[in-house]
PDB file of N, CA and C in Angstrom:
ATOM      1  N   MET A   1     -83.214  68.543  81.043  1.00  0.00           N
ATOM      2  CA  MET A   1     -82.839  69.795  80.643  1.00  0.00           C
ATOM      3  C   MET A   1     -82.156  69.690  82.586  1.00  0.00           C
ATOM      4  N   THR A   2     -81.483  70.611  82.350  1.00  0.00           N
ATOM      5  CA  THR A   2     -81.645  70.812  84.127  1.00  0.00           C
ATOM      6  C   THR A   2     -82.020  71.887  84.332  1.00  0.00           C
ATOM      7  N   ALA A   3     -81.839  72.433  85.681  1.00  0.00           N
ATOM      8  CA  ALA A   3     -82.387  73.737  86.366  1.00  0.00           C
ATOM      9  C   ALA A   3     -81.677  74.520  85.956  1.00  0.00           C
ATOM     10  N   SER A   4     -80.652  74.614  85.333  1.00  0.00           N
ATOM     11  CA  SER A   4     -79.481  75.994  84.974  1.00  0.00           C
ATOM     12  C   SER A   4     -79.488  75.887  82.912  1.00  0.00           C
ATOM     13  N   SER A   5     -80.059  75.041  82.637  1.00  0.00           N
ATOM     14  CA  SER A   5     -80.323  75.251  80.927  1.00  0.00           C
ATOM     15  C   SER A   5     -81.155  76.338  80.670  1.00  0.00           C
ATOM     16  N   LEU A   6     -80.496  76.605  79.586  1.00  0.00           N
ATOM     17  CA  LEU A   6     -81.045  77.877  79.006  1.00  0.00           C
ATOM     18  C   LEU A   6     -81.874  77.115  77.854  1.00  0.00           C
ATOM     19  N   VAL A   7     -82.993  77.790  77.740  1.00  0.00           N
ATOM     20  CA  VAL A   7     -83.925  77.513  76.555  1.00  0.00           C
ATOM     21  C   VAL A   7     -84.335  78.514  75.815  1.00  0.00           C
ATOM     22  N   ILE A   8     -84.151  78.356  74.463  1.00  0.00           N
ATOM     23  CA  ILE A   8     -84.025  79.612  73.966  1.00  0.00           C
ATOM     24  C   ILE A   8     -85.347  78.612  72.711  1.00  0.00           C
ATOM     25  N   ASP A   9     -86.012  79.618  71.736  1.00  0.00           N
ATOM     26  CA  ASP A   9     -87.018  79.012  70.719  1.00  0.00           C
ATOM     27  C   ASP A   9     -86.297  78.591  69.216  1.00  0.00           C
ATOM     28  N   ARG A  10     -86.780  77.481  69.057  1.00  0.00           N
ATOM     29  CA  ARG A  10     -85.808  77.185  67.447  1.00  0.00           C
ATOM     30  C   ARG A  10     -86.089  78.471  66.521  1.00  0.00           C
ATOM     31  N   ARG A  11     -87.199  78.916  66.556  1.00  0.00           N
ATOM     32  CA  ARG A  11     -87.056  80.349  65.736  1.00  0.00           C
ATOM     33  C   ARG A  11     -86.167  81.008  65.904  1.00  0.00           C
ATOM     34  N   LEU A  12     -85.796  81.442  67.182  1.00  0.00           N
ATOM     35  CA  LEU A  12     -84.465  82.574  67.405  1.00  0.00           C
ATOM     36  C   LEU A  12     -83.553  81.479  67.167  1.00  0.00           C
ATOM     37  N   ALA A  13     -83.341  80.594  67.397  1.00  0.00           N
ATOM     38  CA  ALA A  13     -82.291  79.770  67.348  1.00  0.00           C
ATOM     39  C   ALA A  13     -81.583  79.678  65.857  1.00  0.00           C
ATOM     40  N   ILE A  14     -82.730  79.300  64.844  1.00  0.00           N
ATOM     41  CA  ILE A  14     -82.375  79.758  63.606  1.00  0.00           C
ATOM     42  C   ILE A  14     -82.134  80.722  63.402  1.00  0.00           C
ATOM     43  N   GLN A  15     -82.883  82.050  63.776  1.00  0.00           N
ATOM     44  CA  GLN A  15     -82.572  83.081  63.144  1.00  0.00           C
ATOM     45  C   GLN A  15     -81.256  83.523  63.239  1.00  0.00           C
ATOM     46  N   LEU A  16     -80.583  83.294  64.971  1.00  0.00           N
ATOM     47  CA  LEU A  16     -78.888  84.054  65.060  1.00  0.00           C
ATOM     48  C   LEU A  16     -78.085  82.929  64.461  1.00  0.00           C
ATOM     49  N   LEU A  17     -78.250  81.485  64.131  1.00  0.00           N
ATOM     50  CA  LEU A  17     -77.446  80.856  63.404  1.00  0.00           C
ATOM     51  C   LEU A  17     -77.133  81.337  61.626  1.00  0.00           C
ATOM     52  N   HIS A  18     -78.484  81.803  61.234  1.00  0.00           N
ATOM     53  CA  HIS A  18     -78.468  82.272  59.702  1.00  0.00           C
ATOM     54  C   HIS A  18     -77.529  83.748  59.933  1.00  0.00           C
ATOM     55  N   ALA A  19     -77.863  84.244  60.961  1.00  0.00           N
ATOM     56  CA  ALA A  19     -76.901  85.116  60.732  1.00  0.00           C
ATOM     57  C   ALA A  19     -75.482  85.460  60.887  1.00  0.00           C
ATOM     58  N   ALA A  20     -75.276  84.228  61.730  1.00  0.00           N
ATOM     59  CA  ALA A  20     -73.621  84.025  61.454  1.00  0.00           C
ATOM     60  C   ALA A  20     -73.718  83.795  60.211  1.00  0.00           C
ATOM     61  N   GLN A  21     -74.505  82.453  59.560  1.00  0.00           N
ATOM     62  CA  GLN A  21     -73.938  82.262  58.301  1.00  0.00           C
ATOM     63  C   GLN A  21     -73.816  83.225  56.830  1.00  0.00           C
ATOM     64  N   VAL A  22     -74.380  84.089  57.260  1.00  0.00           N
ATOM     65  CA  VAL A  22     -74.959  85.134  55.915  1.00  0.00           C
ATOM     66  C   VAL A  22     -73.832  86.228  56.363  1.00  0.00           C
ATOM     67  N   ALA A  23     -73.295  86.375  57.666  1.00  0.00           N
ATOM     68  CA  ALA A  23     -72.008  87.630  57.346  1.00  0.00           C
ATOM     69  C   ALA A  23     -70.956  86.868  57.363  1.00  0.00           C
ATOM     70  N   ALA A  24     -70.390  85.819  57.129  1.00  0.00           N
ATOM     71  CA  ALA A  24     -69.284  84.641  57.482  1.00  0.00           C
ATOM     72  C   ALA A  24     -68.549  85.410  55.771  1.00  0.00           C
ATOM     73  N   PRO A  25     -67.676  85.751  55.745  1.00  0.00           N
ATOM     74  CA  PRO A  25     -66.700  85.302  56.645  1.00  0.00           C
ATOM     75  C   PRO A  25     -66.213  86.486  57.746  1.00  0.00           C
ATOM     76  N   ALA A  26     -67.021  87.366  57.893  1.00  0.00           N
ATOM     77  CA  ALA A  26     -66.888  88.260  58.580  1.00  0.00           C
ATOM     78  C   ALA A  26     -67.670  87.290  60.197  1.00  0.00           C
ATOM     79  N   ALA A  27     -67.631  88.535  61.407  1.00  0.00           N
ATOM     80  CA  ALA A  27     -68.197  87.725  62.358  1.00  0.00           C
ATOM     81  C   ALA A  27     -69.718  88.621  63.016  1.00  0.00           C
ATOM     82  N   ILE A  28     -70.412  88.166  63.613  1.00  0.00           N
ATOM     83  CA  ILE A  28     -71.514  89.043  63.551  1.00  0.00           C
ATOM     84  C   ILE A  28     -71.373  88.943  65.364  1.00  0.00           C
ATOM     85  N   GLU A  29     -71.970  90.770  65.546  1.00  0.00           N
ATOM     86  CA  GLU A  29     -72.253  90.978  67.361  1.00  0.00           C
ATOM     87  C   GLU A  29     -73.164  91.511  67.377  1.00  0.00           C
ATOM     88  N   GLY A  30     -73.763  91.337  68.730  1.00  0.00           N
ATOM     89  CA  GLY A  30     -75.215  91.777  68.560  1.00  0.00           C
ATOM     90  C   GLY A  30     -76.055  91.607  70.217  1.00  0.00           C
ATOM     91  N   VAL A  31     -77.063  91.490  70.212  1.00  0.00           N
ATOM     92  CA  VAL A  31     -78.081  90.906  71.173  1.00  0.00           C
ATOM     93  C   VAL A  31     -79.064  90.009  71.289  1.00  0.00           C
ATOM     94  N   VAL A  32     -79.463  89.351  72.279  1.00  0.00           N
ATOM     95  CA  VAL A  32     -80.862  88.463  72.158  1.00  0.00           C
ATOM     96  C   VAL A  32     -81.265  89.469  73.379  1.00  0.00           C
ATOM     97  N   LEU A  33     -82.612  90.058  72.395  1.00  0.00           N
ATOM     98  CA  LEU A  33     -83.892  90.667  73.705  1.00  0.00           C
ATOM     99  C   LEU A  33     -84.387  89.838  74.361  1.00  0.00           C
ATOM    100  N   GLU A  34     -85.172  90.253  75.693  1.00  0.00           N
ATOM    101  CA  GLU A  34     -85.928  89.180  76.471  1.00  0.00           C
ATOM    102  C   GLU A  34     -87.241  90.015  76.779  1.00  0.00           C
ATOM    103  N   GLU A  35     -88.203  89.198  77.058  1.00  0.00           N
ATOM    104  CA  GLU A  35     -89.465  89.902  77.421  1.00  0.00           C
ATOM    105  C   GLU A  35     -90.096  89.198  78.235  1.00  0.00           C
ATOM    106  N   GLY A  36     -90.475  89.455  79.484  1.00  0.00           N
ATOM    107  CA  GLY A  36     -90.960  88.708  80.982  1.00  0.00           C
ATOM    108  C   GLY A  36     -89.573  87.682  81.219  1.00  0.00           C
ATOM    109  N   GLY A  37     -88.569  87.851  80.798  1.00  0.00           N
ATOM    110  CA  GLY A  37     -87.233  86.819  81.415  1.00  0.00           C
ATOM    111  C   GLY A  37     -87.206  85.641  80.235  1.00  0.00           C
ATOM    112  N   GLU A  38     -88.500  85.856  78.735  1.00  0.00           N
ATOM    113  CA  GLU A  38     -87.709  85.121  77.987  1.00  0.00           C
ATOM    114  C   GLU A  38     -87.249  85.509  76.874  1.00  0.00           C
ATOM    115  N   PRO A  39     -85.915  84.612  76.334  1.00  0.00           N
ATOM    116  CA  PRO A  39     -85.476  85.531  75.096  1.00  0.00           C
ATOM    117  C   PRO A  39     -85.990  85.476  73.786  1.00  0.00           C
ATOM    118  N   THR A  40     -86.408  86.607  73.325  1.00  0.00           N
ATOM    119  CA  THR A  40     -87.391  86.984  72.328  1.00  0.00           C
ATOM    120  C   THR A  40     -86.830  86.950  70.789  1.00  0.00           C
ATOM    121  N   ARG A  41     -86.275  88.259  70.716  1.00  0.00           N
ATOM    122  CA  ARG A  41     -85.352  88.385  69.331  1.00  0.00           C
ATOM    123  C   ARG A  41     -84.051  88.799  69.118  1.00  0.00           C
ATOM    124  N   TYR A  42     -83.086  88.590  68.025  1.00  0.00           N
ATOM    125  CA  TYR A  42     -81.825  89.053  68.098  1.00  0.00           C
ATOM    126  C   TYR A  42     -82.191  90.510  67.450  1.00  0.00           C
ATOM    127  N   LEU A  43     -80.850  91.545  67.703  1.00  0.00           N
ATOM    128  CA  LEU A  43     -80.780  92.285  67.108  1.00  0.00           C
ATOM    129  C   LEU A  43     -79.642  92.567  67.255  1.00  0.00           C
ATOM    130  N   PRO A  44     -78.816  93.278  65.818  1.00  0.00           N
ATOM    131  CA  PRO A  44     -77.428  93.576  65.437  1.00  0.00           C
ATOM    132  C   PRO A  44     -77.025  94.520  66.295  1.00  0.00           C
ATOM    133  N   ARG A  45     -75.827  94.660  67.218  1.00  0.00           N
ATOM    134  CA  ARG A  45     -75.103  95.455  67.606  1.00  0.00           C
ATOM    135  C   ARG A  45     -75.487  96.865  67.381  1.00  0.00           C
ATOM    136  N   ALA A  46     -75.528  97.021  66.087  1.00  0.00           N
ATOM    137  CA  ALA A  46     -75.612  98.029  65.465  1.00  0.00           C
ATOM    138  C   ALA A  46     -76.719  99.244  65.974  1.00  0.00           C
ATOM    139  N   GLY A  47     -78.097  98.399  66.033  1.00  0.00           N
ATOM    140  CA  GLY A  47     -79.313  98.832  66.566  1.00  0.00           C
ATOM    141  C   GLY A  47     -78.994  99.099  68.078  1.00  0.00           C
ATOM    142  N   LEU A  48     -79.343  99.890  68.556  1.00  0.00           N
ATOM    143  CA  LEU A  48     -79.523 100.368  69.935  1.00  0.00           C
ATOM    144  C   LEU A  48     -80.903 100.111  70.243  1.00  0.00           C
ATOM    145  N   THR A  49     -80.809  99.992  71.626  1.00  0.00           N
ATOM    146  CA  THR A  49     -82.381  99.514  72.035  1.00  0.00           C
ATOM    147  C   THR A  49     -82.405  99.680  73.292  1.00  0.00           C
ATOM    148  N   GLN A  50     -83.735  99.952  74.081  1.00  0.00           N
ATOM    149  CA  GLN A  50     -83.974 100.399  75.518  1.00  0.00           C
ATOM    150  C   GLN A  50     -84.800  98.954  76.232  1.00  0.00           C
ATOM    151  N   GLN A  51     -84.381  97.803  75.416  1.00  0.00           N
ATOM    152  CA  GLN A  51     -85.232  97.072  75.997  1.00  0.00           C
ATOM    153  C   GLN A  51     -84.213  96.234  76.764  1.00  0.00           C
ATOM    154  N   ALA A  52     -84.781  95.101  77.639  1.00  0.00           N
ATOM    155  CA  ALA A  52     -84.114  94.335  78.326  1.00  0.00           C
ATOM    156  C   ALA A  52     -83.179  93.131  77.228  1.00  0.00           C
ATOM    157  N   VAL A  53     -81.948  92.985  77.664  1.00  0.00           N
ATOM    158  CA  VAL A  53     -80.639  92.201  76.996  1.00  0.00           C
ATOM    159  C   VAL A  53     -80.892  91.406  77.745  1.00  0.00           C
ATOM    160  N   TRP A  54     -81.104  90.038  77.001  1.00  0.00           N
ATOM    161  CA  TRP A  54     -80.968  88.623  77.828  1.00  0.00           C
ATOM    162  C   TRP A  54     -79.635  87.849  77.474  1.00  0.00           C
ATOM    163  N   ALA A  55     -78.953  88.401  76.512  1.00  0.00           N
ATOM    164  CA  ALA A  55     -77.601  88.030  76.036  1.00  0.00           C
ATOM    165  C   ALA A  55     -77.109  88.728  74.780  1.00  0.00           C
ATOM    166  N   SER A  56     -75.680  88.675  75.177  1.00  0.00           N
ATOM    167  CA  SER A  56     -74.815  89.398  73.927  1.00  0.00           C
ATOM    168  C   SER A  56     -74.797  88.076  73.074  1.00  0.00           C
ATOM    169  N   VAL A  57     -74.140  88.013  71.745  1.00  0.00           N
ATOM    170  CA  VAL A  57     -74.119  87.425  70.907  1.00  0.00           C
ATOM    171  C   VAL A  57     -72.940  87.641  69.917  1.00  0.00           C
ATOM    172  N   PHE A  58     -72.152  86.558  69.368  1.00  0.00           N
ATOM    173  CA  PHE A  58     -71.006  86.647  68.830  1.00  0.00           C
ATOM    174  C   PHE A  58     -70.844  85.626  67.885  1.00  0.00           C
ATOM    175  N   SER A  59     -70.153  85.658  66.938  1.00  0.00           N
ATOM    176  CA  SER A  59     -69.829  84.204  66.044  1.00  0.00           C
ATOM    177  C   SER A  59     -68.329  84.224  65.990  1.00  0.00           C
ATOM    178  N   ASN A  60     -67.674  83.123  66.112  1.00  0.00           N
ATOM    179  CA  ASN A  60     -66.349  82.946  65.222  1.00  0.00           C
ATOM    180  C   ASN A  60     -66.067  82.254  64.354  1.00  0.00           C
ATOM    181  N   PRO A  61     -66.161  82.953  63.195  1.00  0.00           N
ATOM    182  CA  PRO A  61     -66.412  81.804  61.736  1.00  0.00           C
ATOM    183  C   PRO A  61     -65.081  80.964  61.615  1.00  0.00           C
ATOM    184  N   GLU A  62     -63.871  81.118  62.164  1.00  0.00           N
ATOM    185  CA  GLU A  62     -62.940  80.320  62.177  1.00  0.00           C
ATOM    186  C   GLU A  62     -62.379  79.563  62.817  1.00  0.00           C
ATOM    187  N   SER A  63     -63.244  79.677  64.337  1.00  0.00           N
ATOM    188  CA  SER A  63     -62.471  78.943  65.759  1.00  0.00           C
ATOM    189  C   SER A  63     -63.889  78.607  66.501  1.00  0.00           C
ATOM    190  N   ALA A  64     -63.500  77.698  67.711  1.00  0.00           N
ATOM    191  CA  ALA A  64     -64.780  76.844  68.472  1.00  0.00           C
ATOM    192  C   ALA A  64     -65.478  78.382  69.338  1.00  0.00           C
ATOM    193  N   ALA A  65     -66.619  78.176  69.130  1.00  0.00           N
ATOM    194  CA  ALA A  65     -67.444  78.718  70.158  1.00  0.00           C
ATOM    195  C   ALA A  65     -67.607  79.002  71.564  1.00  0.00           C
ATOM    196  N   VAL A  66     -66.005  79.394  71.495  1.00  0.00           N
ATOM    197  CA  VAL A  66     -65.822  79.765  73.536  1.00  0.00           C
ATOM    198  C   VAL A  66     -64.927  81.558  73.296  1.00  0.00           C
ATOM    199  N   PRO A  67     -65.643  82.234  74.208  1.00  0.00           N
ATOM    200  CA  PRO A  67     -65.297  83.715  73.568  1.00  0.00           C
ATOM    201  C   PRO A  67     -64.122  84.135  74.386  1.00  0.00           C
ATOM    202  N   ASP A  68     -63.761  85.068  73.667  1.00  0.00           N
ATOM    203  CA  ASP A  68     -62.483  85.830  74.736  1.00  0.00           C
ATOM    204  C   ASP A  68     -62.738  86.600  76.067  1.00  0.00           C
ATOM    205  N   ALA A  69     -62.045  87.523  76.454  1.00  0.00           N
ATOM    206  CA  ALA A  69     -62.092  88.034  77.883  1.00  0.00           C
ATOM    207  C   ALA A  69     -63.062  89.063  77.648  1.00  0.00           C
ATOM    208  N   ILE A  70     -63.070  89.562  76.570  1.00  0.00           N
ATOM    209  CA  ILE A  70     -63.572  90.815  76.535  1.00  0.00           C
ATOM    210  C   ILE A  70     -65.143  90.905  75.770  1.00  0.00           C
ATOM    211  N   GLN A  71     -65.213  89.486  75.315  1.00  0.00           N
ATOM    212  CA  GLN A  71     -66.619  89.172  74.781  1.00  0.00           C
ATOM    213  C   GLN A  71     -67.192  88.598  75.922  1.00  0.00           C
ATOM    214  N   LEU A  72     -66.607  87.767  76.746  1.00  0.00           N
ATOM    215  CA  LEU A  72     -67.504  86.865  78.140  1.00  0.00           C
ATOM    216  C   LEU A  72     -67.377  87.955  78.936  1.00  0.00           C
ATOM    217  N   ALA A  73     -66.914  89.574  79.460  1.00  0.00           N
ATOM    218  CA  ALA A  73     -67.121  90.800  80.068  1.00  0.00           C
ATOM    219  C   ALA A  73     -68.379  91.246  79.430  1.00  0.00           C
ATOM    220  N   SER A  74     -68.823  91.539  78.109  1.00  0.00           N
ATOM    221  CA  SER A  74     -69.757  92.598  77.572  1.00  0.00           C
ATOM    222  C   SER A  74     -71.280  92.176  78.453  1.00  0.00           C
ATOM    223  N   HIS A  75     -71.678  90.952  78.960  1.00  0.00           N
ATOM    224  CA  HIS A  75     -72.955  90.963  79.578  1.00  0.00           C
ATOM    225  C   HIS A  75     -72.759  89.358  80.182  1.00  0.00           C
ATOM    226  N   PRO A  76     -73.454  89.606  81.110  1.00  0.00           N
ATOM    227  CA  PRO A  76     -73.502  88.213  82.026  1.00  0.00           C
ATOM    228  C   PRO A  76     -73.839  87.444  81.574  1.00  0.00           C
ATOM    229  N   LEU A  77     -74.794  86.927  80.613  1.00  0.00           N
ATOM    230  CA  LEU A  77     -74.825  85.591  79.506  1.00  0.00           C
ATOM    231  C   LEU A  77     -74.368  86.071  78.262  1.00  0.00           C
ATOM    232  N   THR A  78     -73.111  85.411  77.721  1.00  0.00           N
ATOM    233  CA  THR A  78     -72.522  85.645  76.172  1.00  0.00           C
ATOM    234  C   THR A  78     -73.186  84.208  75.366  1.00  0.00           C
ATOM    235  N   LEU A  79     -73.676  84.233  74.271  1.00  0.00           N
ATOM    236  CA  LEU A  79     -74.251  82.923  73.188  1.00  0.00           C
ATOM    237  C   LEU A  79     -73.053  83.412  72.002  1.00  0.00           C
ATOM    238  N   MET A  80     -72.112  82.121  71.843  1.00  0.00           N
ATOM    239  CA  MET A  80     -71.297  82.177  70.958  1.00  0.00           C
ATOM    240  C   MET A  80     -71.906  80.845  69.873  1.00  0.00           C
ATOM    241  N   ILE A  81     -71.628  81.254  68.675  1.00  0.00           N
ATOM    242  CA  ILE A  81     -71.884  80.507  67.690  1.00  0.00           C
ATOM    243  C   ILE A  81     -70.580  80.362  66.658  1.00  0.00           C
ATOM    244  N   SER A  82     -69.909  78.794  66.380  1.00  0.00           N
ATOM    245  CA  SER A  82     -68.752  78.507  65.728  1.00  0.00           C
ATOM    246  C   SER A  82     -69.489  78.557  64.203  1.00  0.00           C
ATOM    247  N   LEU A  83     -68.790  78.512  63.318  1.00  0.00           N
ATOM    248  CA  LEU A  83     -69.167  78.090  61.769  1.00  0.00           C
ATOM    249  C   LEU A  83     -67.807  77.276  61.235  1.00  0.00           C
ATOM    250  N   ASN A  84     -66.643  76.947  61.900  1.00  0.00           N
ATOM    251  CA  ASN A  84     -65.697  76.664  62.792  1.00  0.00           C
ATOM    252  C   ASN A  84     -66.232  74.436  62.269  1.00  0.00           C
ATOM    253  N   THR A  85     -67.432  74.339  61.804  1.00  0.00           N
ATOM    254  CA  THR A  85     -67.337  72.898  62.030  1.00  0.00           C
ATOM    255  C   THR A  85     -67.710  72.469  60.880  1.00  0.00           C
ATOM    256  N   LYS A  86     -67.959  70.782  60.569  1.00  0.00           N
ATOM    257  CA  LYS A  86     -68.267  70.522  59.399  1.00  0.00           C
ATOM    258  C   LYS A  86     -69.840  69.948  59.025  1.00  0.00           C
ATOM    259  N   GLY A  87     -70.680  70.701  58.514  1.00  0.00           N
ATOM    260  CA  GLY A  87     -72.130  70.221  58.326  1.00  0.00           C
ATOM    261  C   GLY A  87     -73.067  70.504  59.317  1.00  0.00           C
ATOM    262  N   VAL A  88     -72.315  70.765  60.526  1.00  0.00           N
ATOM    263  CA  VAL A  88     -73.098  71.260  61.921  1.00  0.00           C
ATOM    264  C   VAL A  88     -72.822  72.468  62.127  1.00  0.00           C
ATOM    265  N   LEU A  89     -73.882  73.749  62.561  1.00  0.00           N
ATOM    266  CA  LEU A  89     -73.424  74.787  63.241  1.00  0.00           C
ATOM    267  C   LEU A  89     -73.626  74.610  64.941  1.00  0.00           C
ATOM    268  N   GLU A  90     -72.471  75.365  65.633  1.00  0.00           N
ATOM    269  CA  GLU A  90     -72.386  75.183  67.134  1.00  0.00           C
ATOM    270  C   GLU A  90     -72.599  76.617  67.516  1.00  0.00           C
ATOM    271  N   MET A  91     -73.804  76.153  68.731  1.00  0.00           N
ATOM    272  CA  MET A  91     -73.739  77.409  69.455  1.00  0.00           C
ATOM    273  C   MET A  91     -73.925  76.998  71.558  1.00  0.00           C
ATOM    274  N   ARG A  92     -72.905  77.707  71.675  1.00  0.00           N
ATOM    275  CA  ARG A  92     -72.621  77.847  72.876  1.00  0.00           C
ATOM    276  C   ARG A  92     -72.701  78.727  73.789  1.00  0.00           C
ATOM    277  N   ALA A  93     -73.494  79.191  75.472  1.00  0.00           N
ATOM    278  CA  ALA A  93     -73.739  79.747  76.227  1.00  0.00           C
ATOM    279  C   ALA A  93     -72.591  79.481  77.832  1.00  0.00           C
ATOM    280  N   TRP A  94     -72.118  80.538  77.439  1.00  0.00           N
ATOM    281  CA  TRP A  94     -70.871  80.847  78.360  1.00  0.00           C
ATOM    282  C   TRP A  94     -71.409  82.036  79.270  1.00  0.00           C
ATOM    283  N   VAL A  95     -71.255  81.999  80.935  1.00  0.00           N
ATOM    284  CA  VAL A  95     -71.378  82.533  81.993  1.00  0.00           C
ATOM    285  C   VAL A  95     -69.822  83.107  82.718  1.00  0.00           C
ATOM    286  N   GLN A  96     -69.371  84.057  82.948  1.00  0.00           N
ATOM    287  CA  GLN A  96     -68.447  84.540  83.609  1.00  0.00           C
ATOM    288  C   GLN A  96     -68.601  84.170  85.509  1.00  0.00           C
ATOM    289  N   GLN A  97     -67.951  83.576  86.198  1.00  0.00           N
ATOM    290  CA  GLN A  97     -68.009  82.829  87.494  1.00  0.00           C
ATOM    291  C   GLN A  97     -66.859  82.768  88.075  1.00  0.00           C
ATOM    292  N   ASN A  98     -66.232  83.481  88.854  1.00  0.00           N
ATOM    293  CA  ASN A  98     -65.294  83.689  90.001  1.00  0.00           C
ATOM    294  C   ASN A  98     -64.221  83.997  88.471  1.00  0.00           C
ATOM    295  N   GLY A  99     -64.639  85.285  88.074  1.00  0.00           N
ATOM    296  CA  GLY A  99     -63.300  85.620  87.154  1.00  0.00           C
ATOM    297  C   GLY A  99     -63.039  84.942  85.763  1.00  0.00           C
ATOM    298  N   ALA A 100     -63.441  83.333  85.652  1.00  0.00           N
ATOM    299  CA  ALA A 100     -63.299  82.375  84.756  1.00  0.00           C
ATOM    300  C   ALA A 100     -64.617  82.070  83.919  1.00  0.00           C
ATOM    301  N   PRO A 101     -64.409  81.497  82.829  1.00  0.00           N
ATOM    302  CA  PRO A 101     -65.733  81.464  81.739  1.00  0.00           C
ATOM    303  C   PRO A 101     -65.943  79.738  82.185  1.00  0.00           C
ATOM    304  N   LEU A 102     -67.832  79.704  82.604  1.00  0.00           N
ATOM    305  CA  LEU A 102     -68.324  78.740  82.747  1.00  0.00           C
ATOM    306  C   LEU A 102     -69.113  78.124  81.700  1.00  0.00           C
ATOM    307  N   GLU A 103     -69.359  77.263  81.140  1.00  0.00           N
ATOM    308  CA  GLU A 103     -70.058  76.951  80.119  1.00  0.00           C
ATOM    309  C   GLU A 103     -71.569  76.924  80.733  1.00  0.00           C
ATOM    310  N   ARG A 104     -73.092  76.982  79.991  1.00  0.00           N
ATOM    311  CA  ARG A 104     -73.901  76.718  80.235  1.00  0.00           C
ATOM    312  C   ARG A 104     -74.747  76.402  79.242  1.00  0.00           C
ATOM    313  N   ALA A 105     -75.939  74.763  79.508  1.00  0.00           N
ATOM    314  CA  ALA A 105     -76.156  73.844  78.611  1.00  0.00           C
ATOM    315  C   ALA A 105     -77.497  75.101  78.141  1.00  0.00           C
ATOM    316  N   VAL A 106     -77.721  74.601  76.997  1.00  0.00           N
ATOM    317  CA  VAL A 106     -78.506  75.242  75.699  1.00  0.00           C
ATOM    318  C   VAL A 106     -79.642  74.067  75.374  1.00  0.00           C
ATOM    319  N   SER A 107     -80.658  74.418  75.361  1.00  0.00           N
ATOM    320  CA  SER A 107     -81.787  73.432  75.148  1.00  0.00           C
ATOM    321  C   SER A 107     -82.733  74.418  73.976  1.00  0.00           C
ATOM    322  N   ILE A 108     -82.908  73.765  72.688  1.00  0.00           N
ATOM    323  CA  ILE A 108     -84.096  74.736  72.010  1.00  0.00           C
ATOM    324  C   ILE A 108     -85.776  73.864  71.906  1.00  0.00           C
ATOM    325  N   ARG A 109     -86.302  75.028  72.188  1.00  0.00           N
ATOM    326  CA  ARG A 109     -87.760  74.459  72.193  1.00  0.00           C
ATOM    327  C   ARG A 109     -88.645  74.959  70.879  1.00  0.00           C
ATOM    328  N   ASP A 110     -89.359  73.596  70.568  1.00  0.00           N
ATOM    329  CA  ASP A 110     -90.175  73.899  69.657  1.00  0.00           C
ATOM    330  C   ASP A 110     -91.039  74.707  69.484  1.00  0.00           C
TER     331      ASP A 110
END
């Protein structure tokens, strides 16, 4: 794990991937809330909150886990989930740096 790796609890990662699967063929859009700088839970965009947001979450049911410009601009950290894979779900993290997308490593913690 590098210093710039993002760490997500396995339970939260499963919750995110499950939400994307259940919504397919529609896409999901929501946020990951944080507590003490740690990502804690997923909240669909429909649920408004005053809690701190750790990342925006989007799924691409039929394309790669790469954000478009609007998704990338929605929050400093964007998680993308792709269902366009064979048997394995893909979750990637992106930040905007100098106007361009930059991928961040994501690690899953037990």
